[in-house]
Amino acid sequence: MDVKQLAEYLNVSVQWVYREASKVGLKPYKFGSGRNAKIQFKIADVQAWVRQQSSPS
């Protein structure tokens, strides 16, 4: 899933994804280099992270 799809899925801004996703434990995968690089996230990783966030500690 790309950055925009992740932002929609988590109901956050695209800027939040770029700034905070890796800090909270969502691992981005970068394809390419420089300004044209594409950032993707594995759907299974995102779903596991969401389950982890919603489970009581």
PDB file of N, CA and C in Angstrom:
ATOM      1  N   MET A   1       0.851  -1.157   0.000  1.00  0.00           N
ATOM      2  CA  MET A   1       0.000   0.000   0.000  1.00  0.00           C
ATOM      3  C   MET A   1       0.900   1.223   0.000  1.00  0.00           C
ATOM      4  N   ASP A   2       0.500   2.243  -0.731  1.00  0.00           N
ATOM      5  CA  ASP A   2       1.333   3.436  -0.806  1.00  0.00           C
ATOM      6  C   ASP A   2       0.999   4.398   0.335  1.00  0.00           C
ATOM      7  N   VAL A   3       1.677   5.524   0.364  1.00  0.00           N
ATOM      8  CA  VAL A   3       1.529   6.474   1.467  1.00  0.00           C
ATOM      9  C   VAL A   3       0.102   7.007   1.549  1.00  0.00           C
ATOM     10  N   LYS A   4      -0.477   7.361   0.416  1.00  0.00           N
ATOM     11  CA  LYS A   4      -1.843   7.894   0.409  1.00  0.00           C
ATOM     12  C   LYS A   4      -2.849   6.850   0.896  1.00  0.00           C
ATOM     13  N   GLN A   5      -2.698   5.615   0.442  1.00  0.00           N
ATOM     14  CA  GLN A   5      -3.595   4.543   0.883  1.00  0.00           C
ATOM     15  C   GLN A   5      -3.465   4.305   2.378  1.00  0.00           C
ATOM     16  N   LEU A   6      -2.234   4.331   2.886  1.00  0.00           N
ATOM     17  CA  LEU A   6      -2.019   4.142   4.317  1.00  0.00           C
ATOM     18  C   LEU A   6      -2.662   5.270   5.105  1.00  0.00           C
ATOM     19  N   ALA A   7      -2.499   6.495   4.646  1.00  0.00           N
ATOM     20  CA  ALA A   7      -3.105   7.641   5.328  1.00  0.00           C
ATOM     21  C   ALA A   7      -4.620   7.494   5.389  1.00  0.00           C
ATOM     22  N   GLU A   8      -5.228   7.077   4.300  1.00  0.00           N
ATOM     23  CA  GLU A   8      -6.676   6.875   4.279  1.00  0.00           C
ATOM     24  C   GLU A   8      -7.079   5.726   5.206  1.00  0.00           C
ATOM     25  N   TYR A   9      -6.335   4.648   5.183  1.00  0.00           N
ATOM     26  CA  TYR A   9      -6.635   3.473   6.012  1.00  0.00           C
ATOM     27  C   TYR A   9      -6.567   3.815   7.498  1.00  0.00           C
ATOM     28  N   LEU A  10      -5.562   4.617   7.882  1.00  0.00           N
ATOM     29  CA  LEU A  10      -5.388   4.971   9.297  1.00  0.00           C
ATOM     30  C   LEU A  10      -6.131   6.242   9.684  1.00  0.00           C
ATOM     31  N   ASN A  11      -6.734   6.902   8.696  1.00  0.00           N
ATOM     32  CA  ASN A  11      -7.449   8.161   8.921  1.00  0.00           C
ATOM     33  C   ASN A  11      -6.517   9.226   9.505  1.00  0.00           C
ATOM     34  N   VAL A  12      -5.367   9.360   8.879  1.00  0.00           N
ATOM     35  CA  VAL A  12      -4.384  10.379   9.253  1.00  0.00           C
ATOM     36  C   VAL A  12      -3.967  11.108   7.976  1.00  0.00           C
ATOM     37  N   SER A  13      -3.180  12.165   8.136  1.00  0.00           N
ATOM     38  CA  SER A  13      -2.726  12.914   6.970  1.00  0.00           C
ATOM     39  C   SER A  13      -1.523  12.217   6.317  1.00  0.00           C
ATOM     40  N   VAL A  14      -1.313  12.541   5.055  1.00  0.00           N
ATOM     41  CA  VAL A  14      -0.158  12.020   4.331  1.00  0.00           C
ATOM     42  C   VAL A  14       1.123  12.524   5.009  1.00  0.00           C
ATOM     43  N   GLN A  15       1.107  13.760   5.466  1.00  0.00           N
ATOM     44  CA  GLN A  15       2.269  14.317   6.154  1.00  0.00           C
ATOM     45  C   GLN A  15       2.589  13.513   7.404  1.00  0.00           C
ATOM     46  N   TRP A  16       1.561  13.071   8.132  1.00  0.00           N
ATOM     47  CA  TRP A  16       1.788  12.258   9.332  1.00  0.00           C
ATOM     48  C   TRP A  16       2.499  10.966   8.955  1.00  0.00           C
ATOM     49  N   VAL A  17       2.079  10.348   7.862  1.00  0.00           N
ATOM     50  CA  VAL A  17       2.701   9.092   7.425  1.00  0.00           C
ATOM     51  C   VAL A  17       4.189   9.315   7.154  1.00  0.00           C
ATOM     52  N   TYR A  18       4.513  10.355   6.407  1.00  0.00           N
ATOM     53  CA  TYR A  18       5.924  10.627   6.108  1.00  0.00           C
ATOM     54  C   TYR A  18       6.721  10.926   7.376  1.00  0.00           C
ATOM     55  N   ARG A  19       6.126  11.671   8.297  1.00  0.00           N
ATOM     56  CA  ARG A  19       6.846  12.144   9.474  1.00  0.00           C
ATOM     57  C   ARG A  19       6.896  11.128  10.599  1.00  0.00           C
ATOM     58  N   GLU A  20       5.813  10.403  10.846  1.00  0.00           N
ATOM     59  CA  GLU A  20       5.673   9.620  12.072  1.00  0.00           C
ATOM     60  C   GLU A  20       5.598   8.104  11.908  1.00  0.00           C
ATOM     61  N   ALA A  21       5.253   7.612  10.737  1.00  0.00           N
ATOM     62  CA  ALA A  21       4.987   6.178  10.583  1.00  0.00           C
ATOM     63  C   ALA A  21       6.150   5.314  11.054  1.00  0.00           C
ATOM     64  N   SER A  22       7.352   5.642  10.633  1.00  0.00           N
ATOM     65  CA  SER A  22       8.488   4.807  11.043  1.00  0.00           C
ATOM     66  C   SER A  22       8.782   4.950  12.530  1.00  0.00           C
ATOM     67  N   LYS A  23       8.463   6.103  13.110  1.00  0.00           N
ATOM     68  CA  LYS A  23       8.692   6.322  14.544  1.00  0.00           C
ATOM     69  C   LYS A  23       7.762   5.470  15.410  1.00  0.00           C
ATOM     70  N   VAL A  24       6.550   5.185  14.908  1.00  0.00           N
ATOM     71  CA  VAL A  24       5.585   4.421  15.697  1.00  0.00           C
ATOM     72  C   VAL A  24       5.638   2.926  15.403  1.00  0.00           C
ATOM     73  N   GLY A  25       6.514   2.515  14.484  1.00  0.00           N
ATOM     74  CA  GLY A  25       6.704   1.092  14.253  1.00  0.00           C
ATOM     75  C   GLY A  25       6.234   0.562  12.915  1.00  0.00           C
ATOM     76  N   LEU A  26       5.785   1.431  12.024  1.00  0.00           N
ATOM     77  CA  LEU A  26       5.394   0.991  10.686  1.00  0.00           C
ATOM     78  C   LEU A  26       6.612   1.075   9.776  1.00  0.00           C
ATOM     79  N   LYS A  27       7.034  -0.074   9.271  1.00  0.00           N
ATOM     80  CA  LYS A  27       8.267  -0.115   8.480  1.00  0.00           C
ATOM     81  C   LYS A  27       7.989   0.228   7.018  1.00  0.00           C
ATOM     82  N   PRO A  28       8.582   1.326   6.542  1.00  0.00           N
ATOM     83  CA  PRO A  28       8.415   1.673   5.124  1.00  0.00           C
ATOM     84  C   PRO A  28       9.425   0.930   4.257  1.00  0.00           C
ATOM     85  N   TYR A  29       9.023   0.628   3.042  1.00  0.00           N
ATOM     86  CA  TYR A  29       9.903   0.024   2.057  1.00  0.00           C
ATOM     87  C   TYR A  29      10.080   1.035   0.942  1.00  0.00           C
ATOM     88  N   LYS A  30      11.324   1.404   0.661  1.00  0.00           N
ATOM     89  CA  LYS A  30      11.619   2.444  -0.318  1.00  0.00           C
ATOM     90  C   LYS A  30      12.095   1.810  -1.619  1.00  0.00           C
ATOM     91  N   PHE A  31      11.469   2.229  -2.712  1.00  0.00           N
ATOM     92  CA  PHE A  31      11.828   1.743  -4.043  1.00  0.00           C
ATOM     93  C   PHE A  31      12.324   2.925  -4.857  1.00  0.00           C
ATOM     94  N   GLY A  32      13.561   2.870  -5.289  1.00  0.00           N
ATOM     95  CA  GLY A  32      14.147   3.962  -6.040  1.00  0.00           C
ATOM     96  C   GLY A  32      14.966   4.852  -5.125  1.00  0.00           C
ATOM     97  N   SER A  33      15.414   5.966  -5.676  1.00  0.00           N
ATOM     98  CA  SER A  33      16.222   6.875  -4.881  1.00  0.00           C
ATOM     99  C   SER A  33      15.869   8.320  -5.219  1.00  0.00           C
ATOM    100  N   GLY A  34      16.273   9.206  -4.350  1.00  0.00           N
ATOM    101  CA  GLY A  34      16.037  10.622  -4.582  1.00  0.00           C
ATOM    102  C   GLY A  34      14.574  11.001  -4.464  1.00  0.00           C
ATOM    103  N   ARG A  35      14.220  12.055  -5.167  1.00  0.00           N
ATOM    104  CA  ARG A  35      12.851  12.581  -5.087  1.00  0.00           C
ATOM    105  C   ARG A  35      11.827  11.668  -5.737  1.00  0.00           C
ATOM    106  N   ASN A  36      12.276  10.791  -6.622  1.00  0.00           N
ATOM    107  CA  ASN A  36      11.351   9.908  -7.325  1.00  0.00           C
ATOM    108  C   ASN A  36      11.144   8.574  -6.611  1.00  0.00           C
ATOM    109  N   ALA A  37      11.695   8.422  -5.425  1.00  0.00           N
ATOM    110  CA  ALA A  37      11.552   7.178  -4.675  1.00  0.00           C
ATOM    111  C   ALA A  37      10.091   6.953  -4.307  1.00  0.00           C
ATOM    112  N   LYS A  38       9.688   5.732  -4.327  1.00  0.00           N
ATOM    113  CA  LYS A  38       8.332   5.349  -3.936  1.00  0.00           C
ATOM    114  C   LYS A  38       8.399   4.642  -2.588  1.00  0.00           C
ATOM    115  N   ILE A  39       7.530   5.022  -1.688  1.00  0.00           N
ATOM    116  CA  ILE A  39       7.477   4.397  -0.373  1.00  0.00           C
ATOM    117  C   ILE A  39       6.214   3.556  -0.303  1.00  0.00           C
ATOM    118  N   GLN A  40       6.393   2.305   0.108  1.00  0.00           N
ATOM    119  CA  GLN A  40       5.284   1.357   0.218  1.00  0.00           C
ATOM    120  C   GLN A  40       5.311   0.722   1.598  1.00  0.00           C
ATOM    121  N   PHE A  41       4.165   0.222   2.016  1.00  0.00           N
ATOM    122  CA  PHE A  41       4.040  -0.488   3.284  1.00  0.00           C
ATOM    123  C   PHE A  41       3.349  -1.817   3.012  1.00  0.00           C
ATOM    124  N   LYS A  42       3.810  -2.880   3.667  1.00  0.00           N
ATOM    125  CA  LYS A  42       3.171  -4.188   3.515  1.00  0.00           C
ATOM    126  C   LYS A  42       1.838  -4.172   4.250  1.00  0.00           C
ATOM    127  N   ILE A  43       0.805  -4.637   3.582  1.00  0.00           N
ATOM    128  CA  ILE A  43      -0.533  -4.645   4.164  1.00  0.00           C
ATOM    129  C   ILE A  43      -0.563  -5.481   5.436  1.00  0.00           C
ATOM    130  N   ALA A  44       0.094  -6.629   5.426  1.00  0.00           N
ATOM    131  CA  ALA A  44       0.112  -7.495   6.610  1.00  0.00           C
ATOM    132  C   ALA A  44       0.781  -6.788   7.784  1.00  0.00           C
ATOM    133  N   ASP A  45       1.853  -6.026   7.519  1.00  0.00           N
ATOM    134  CA  ASP A  45       2.528  -5.277   8.585  1.00  0.00           C
ATOM    135  C   ASP A  45       1.613  -4.207   9.165  1.00  0.00           C
ATOM    136  N   VAL A  46       0.900  -3.513   8.296  1.00  0.00           N
ATOM    137  CA  VAL A  46      -0.004  -2.448   8.743  1.00  0.00           C
ATOM    138  C   VAL A  46      -1.137  -3.042   9.582  1.00  0.00           C
ATOM    139  N   GLN A  47      -1.724  -4.139   9.105  1.00  0.00           N
ATOM    140  CA  GLN A  47      -2.815  -4.761   9.841  1.00  0.00           C
ATOM    141  C   GLN A  47      -2.350  -5.278  11.193  1.00  0.00           C
ATOM    142  N   ALA A  48      -1.160  -5.847  11.253  1.00  0.00           N
ATOM    143  CA  ALA A  48      -0.613  -6.326  12.529  1.00  0.00           C
ATOM    144  C   ALA A  48      -0.375  -5.158  13.471  1.00  0.00           C
ATOM    145  N   TRP A  49       0.125  -4.037  12.957  1.00  0.00           N
ATOM    146  CA  TRP A  49       0.369  -2.853  13.778  1.00  0.00           C
ATOM    147  C   TRP A  49      -0.947  -2.307  14.327  1.00  0.00           C
ATOM    148  N   VAL A  50      -1.980  -2.274  13.505  1.00  0.00           N
ATOM    149  CA  VAL A  50      -3.298  -1.791  13.945  1.00  0.00           C
ATOM    150  C   VAL A  50      -3.845  -2.694  15.042  1.00  0.00           C
ATOM    151  N   ARG A  51      -3.731  -4.008  14.880  1.00  0.00           N
ATOM    152  CA  ARG A  51      -4.200  -4.932  15.920  1.00  0.00           C
ATOM    153  C   ARG A  51      -3.430  -4.724  17.222  1.00  0.00           C
ATOM    154  N   GLN A  52      -2.135  -4.504  17.104  1.00  0.00           N
ATOM    155  CA  GLN A  52      -1.300  -4.281  18.278  1.00  0.00           C
ATOM    156  C   GLN A  52      -1.714  -3.006  19.000  1.00  0.00           C
ATOM    157  N   GLN A  53      -2.072  -1.973  18.264  1.00  0.00           N
ATOM    158  CA  GLN A  53      -2.467  -0.704  18.868  1.00  0.00           C
ATOM    159  C   GLN A  53      -3.814  -0.794  19.567  1.00  0.00           C
ATOM    160  N   SER A  54      -4.698  -1.628  19.045  1.00  0.00           N
ATOM    161  CA  SER A  54      -6.052  -1.702  19.605  1.00  0.00           C
ATOM    162  C   SER A  54      -6.185  -2.746  20.719  1.00  0.00           C
ATOM    163  N   SER A  55      -5.184  -3.605  20.888  1.00  0.00           N
ATOM    164  CA  SER A  55      -5.280  -4.611  21.933  1.00  0.00           C
ATOM    165  C   SER A  55      -4.936  -3.997  23.298  1.00  0.00           C
ATOM    166  N   PRO A  56      -5.688  -4.358  24.333  1.00  0.00           N
ATOM    167  CA  PRO A  56      -5.407  -3.792  25.662  1.00  0.00           C
ATOM    168  C   PRO A  56      -4.076  -4.284  26.207  1.00  0.00           C
ATOM    169  N   SER A  57      -3.362  -3.397  26.844  1.00  0.00           N
ATOM    170  CA  SER A  57      -2.030  -3.753  27.399  1.00  0.00           C
ATOM    171  C   SER A  57      -2.144  -4.215  28.819  1.00  0.00           C
TER     172      SER A  57
END
